[in-house]
Amino acid sequence: MLGCGMPCSDIREIIEIRFDVDERLSHYNLRKNTCGAEVGNESLLIELVHGLASEEIIGFNPAELPSYLNDPDDTLEFLSFKHLFALQAALRVYTGIETGDPTANCTVSSIVNDFAGVEFTGVLDSAPLLEKIKSCGHCNSCGSA
């Protein structure tokens, strides 16, 4: 599902990231804030990021992303960039690189620590993500080079 079926004026998205006890990503999902619809496949890049530490995901060069996709069409490539940039934004907040305050691109909704690890939930402003995708023509100018 690519959208909610109805136009949403709230373009924020919710990201939930689950880490195991070794602080390695074990699962994540990305969905719309207003209607809970998935943004493409809710865990589109899980095969790429599963088992990685936050720093490895933050440092992932977006120019390399298309090489991990099997014959992507424009929609899949767009959604893959959106998931990567959402993960990177959320992890910059989780690791303290960015503040996550209410005016930030990603704000902290909750952090829960239990016997299985940590779950981070954040709210993302989609507009900066979309601008970052527009500027990313595989030329490393999107800020992650």
Protein backbone atom coordinates (compact mmCIF):
# COMPACT_ATOMS: atom_id res chain seq x y z
CA MET A 1 0.00 0.00 0.00
CA LEU A 2 1.46 3.36 -1.01
CA GLY A 3 -1.02 5.66 0.68
CA CYS A 4 -4.02 5.96 2.90
CA GLY A 5 -6.64 5.93 0.18
CA MET A 6 -7.71 9.40 1.30
CA PRO A 7 -5.68 12.59 1.12
CA CYS A 8 -3.96 13.39 4.40
CA SER A 9 -2.94 16.90 5.33
CA ASP A 10 -0.70 15.52 8.09
CA ILE A 11 2.37 14.19 6.31
CA ARG A 12 4.18 13.08 9.44
CA GLU A 13 5.21 9.47 9.77
CA ILE A 14 5.87 7.16 12.68
CA ILE A 15 9.03 5.09 12.82
CA GLU A 16 9.54 2.26 15.29
CA ILE A 17 12.98 0.75 15.59
CA ARG A 18 13.75 -2.33 17.67
CA PHE A 19 17.28 -3.12 18.85
CA ASP A 20 18.41 -6.40 20.37
CA VAL A 21 20.38 -6.54 23.62
CA ASP A 22 23.62 -6.00 21.65
CA GLU A 23 22.26 -2.69 20.23
CA ARG A 24 21.86 -4.17 16.74
CA LEU A 25 18.76 -3.36 14.71
CA SER A 26 16.39 -6.31 14.77
CA HIS A 27 13.28 -4.72 13.25
CA TYR A 28 11.78 -1.41 12.16
CA ASN A 29 8.60 -0.15 10.58
CA LEU A 30 7.58 3.10 8.96
CA ARG A 31 3.95 4.17 8.58
CA LYS A 32 1.77 7.25 8.20
CA ASN A 33 0.89 9.10 11.39
CA THR A 34 -2.74 9.90 10.60
CA CYS A 35 -4.02 6.61 9.24
CA GLY A 36 -1.36 4.06 10.16
CA ALA A 37 -0.89 3.01 6.52
CA GLU A 38 2.47 1.56 5.59
CA VAL A 39 4.90 3.67 3.60
CA GLY A 40 5.48 1.05 0.91
CA ASN A 41 6.43 -2.12 2.75
CA GLU A 42 6.64 -1.03 6.39
CA SER A 43 10.06 -2.70 6.76
CA LEU A 44 11.28 -2.26 3.19
CA LEU A 45 15.01 -2.26 3.97
CA ILE A 46 15.03 -4.83 6.78
CA GLU A 47 17.25 -7.26 4.85
CA LEU A 48 19.81 -4.50 4.34
CA VAL A 49 19.83 -3.08 7.89
CA HIS A 50 19.05 -6.10 10.07
CA GLY A 51 21.87 -6.73 12.52
CA LEU A 52 23.61 -3.41 11.91
CA ALA A 53 24.57 -0.96 14.64
CA SER A 54 23.11 2.56 14.58
CA GLU A 55 26.41 4.07 13.46
CA GLU A 56 26.59 1.73 10.46
CA ILE A 57 23.11 2.74 9.30
CA ILE A 58 23.76 6.44 9.87
CA GLY A 59 26.98 6.14 7.86
CA PHE A 60 25.40 4.21 4.98
CA ASN A 61 26.03 6.12 1.74
CA PRO A 62 22.71 6.59 -0.09
CA ALA A 63 24.51 6.49 -3.44
CA GLU A 64 25.11 2.78 -2.76
CA LEU A 65 21.43 2.01 -2.08
CA PRO A 66 20.39 1.28 -5.70
CA SER A 67 23.06 -1.45 -5.92
CA TYR A 68 21.20 -3.34 -3.15
CA LEU A 69 17.86 -3.20 -4.96
CA ASN A 70 16.93 -5.83 -7.52
CA ASP A 71 15.90 -4.00 -10.70
CA PRO A 72 14.05 -1.19 -8.89
CA ASP A 73 11.34 0.84 -10.55
CA ASP A 74 11.05 4.53 -9.69
CA THR A 75 8.52 3.91 -6.92
CA LEU A 76 10.63 1.26 -5.20
CA GLU A 77 13.73 3.40 -5.44
CA PHE A 78 11.87 6.45 -4.04
CA LEU A 79 10.45 4.42 -1.13
CA SER A 80 13.84 2.85 -0.43
CA PHE A 81 15.47 6.28 -0.16
CA LYS A 82 12.61 7.45 2.07
CA HIS A 83 13.09 4.48 4.41
CA LEU A 84 16.86 4.97 4.53
CA PHE A 85 16.62 8.69 5.25
CA ALA A 86 13.89 8.07 7.86
CA LEU A 87 16.06 5.47 9.60
CA GLN A 88 19.09 7.75 9.52
CA ALA A 89 17.11 10.72 10.90
CA ALA A 90 15.63 8.63 13.71
CA LEU A 91 18.97 7.05 14.59
CA ARG A 92 20.68 10.46 14.73
CA VAL A 93 18.13 11.34 17.42
CA TYR A 94 18.42 7.98 19.19
CA THR A 95 22.22 8.25 19.38
CA GLY A 96 22.16 11.90 20.50
CA ILE A 97 23.68 13.35 17.33
CA GLU A 98 20.49 15.43 16.99
CA THR A 99 18.19 16.60 19.78
CA GLY A 100 14.79 15.18 18.81
CA ASP A 101 13.07 18.16 20.36
CA PRO A 102 9.55 19.15 19.20
CA THR A 103 10.91 21.42 16.43
CA ALA A 104 13.26 18.78 14.96
CA ASN A 105 12.71 16.71 11.81
CA CYS A 106 12.41 13.64 14.03
CA THR A 107 10.99 13.89 17.52
CA VAL A 108 11.10 11.24 20.20
CA SER A 109 7.76 9.67 21.00
CA SER A 110 9.06 6.94 23.32
CA ILE A 111 12.03 4.80 24.22
CA VAL A 112 11.26 1.53 25.97
CA ASN A 113 13.92 -0.78 27.35
CA ASP A 114 12.99 -4.37 28.22
CA PHE A 115 14.61 -7.80 28.53
CA ALA A 116 14.81 -8.17 24.73
CA GLY A 117 16.41 -4.81 23.96
CA VAL A 118 15.25 -1.28 23.20
CA GLU A 119 12.39 0.07 21.11
CA PHE A 120 12.61 3.64 19.85
CA THR A 121 9.52 5.35 18.44
CA GLY A 122 9.79 8.67 16.67
CA VAL A 123 7.62 11.04 14.68
CA LEU A 124 9.13 12.24 11.41
CA ASP A 125 8.34 15.37 9.44
CA SER A 126 8.16 14.02 5.88
CA ALA A 127 8.87 17.31 4.11
CA PRO A 128 12.64 17.34 4.84
CA LEU A 129 12.85 13.67 3.83
CA LEU A 130 11.19 14.44 0.50
CA GLU A 131 13.58 17.35 -0.12
CA LYS A 132 16.52 15.07 0.63
CA ILE A 133 15.23 12.46 -1.84
CA LYS A 134 14.78 15.12 -4.56
CA SER A 135 18.36 16.25 -4.09
CA CYS A 136 19.73 12.72 -4.13
CA GLY A 137 20.61 11.93 -7.72
CA HIS A 138 23.30 9.45 -6.66
CA CYS A 139 25.83 12.26 -6.64
CA ASN A 140 26.52 12.19 -2.88
CA SER A 141 25.07 15.71 -2.46
CA CYS A 142 22.32 14.52 -0.12
CA GLY A 143 24.51 14.93 2.91
CA SER A 144 25.55 11.34 3.55
CA ALA A 145 28.69 11.19 1.46
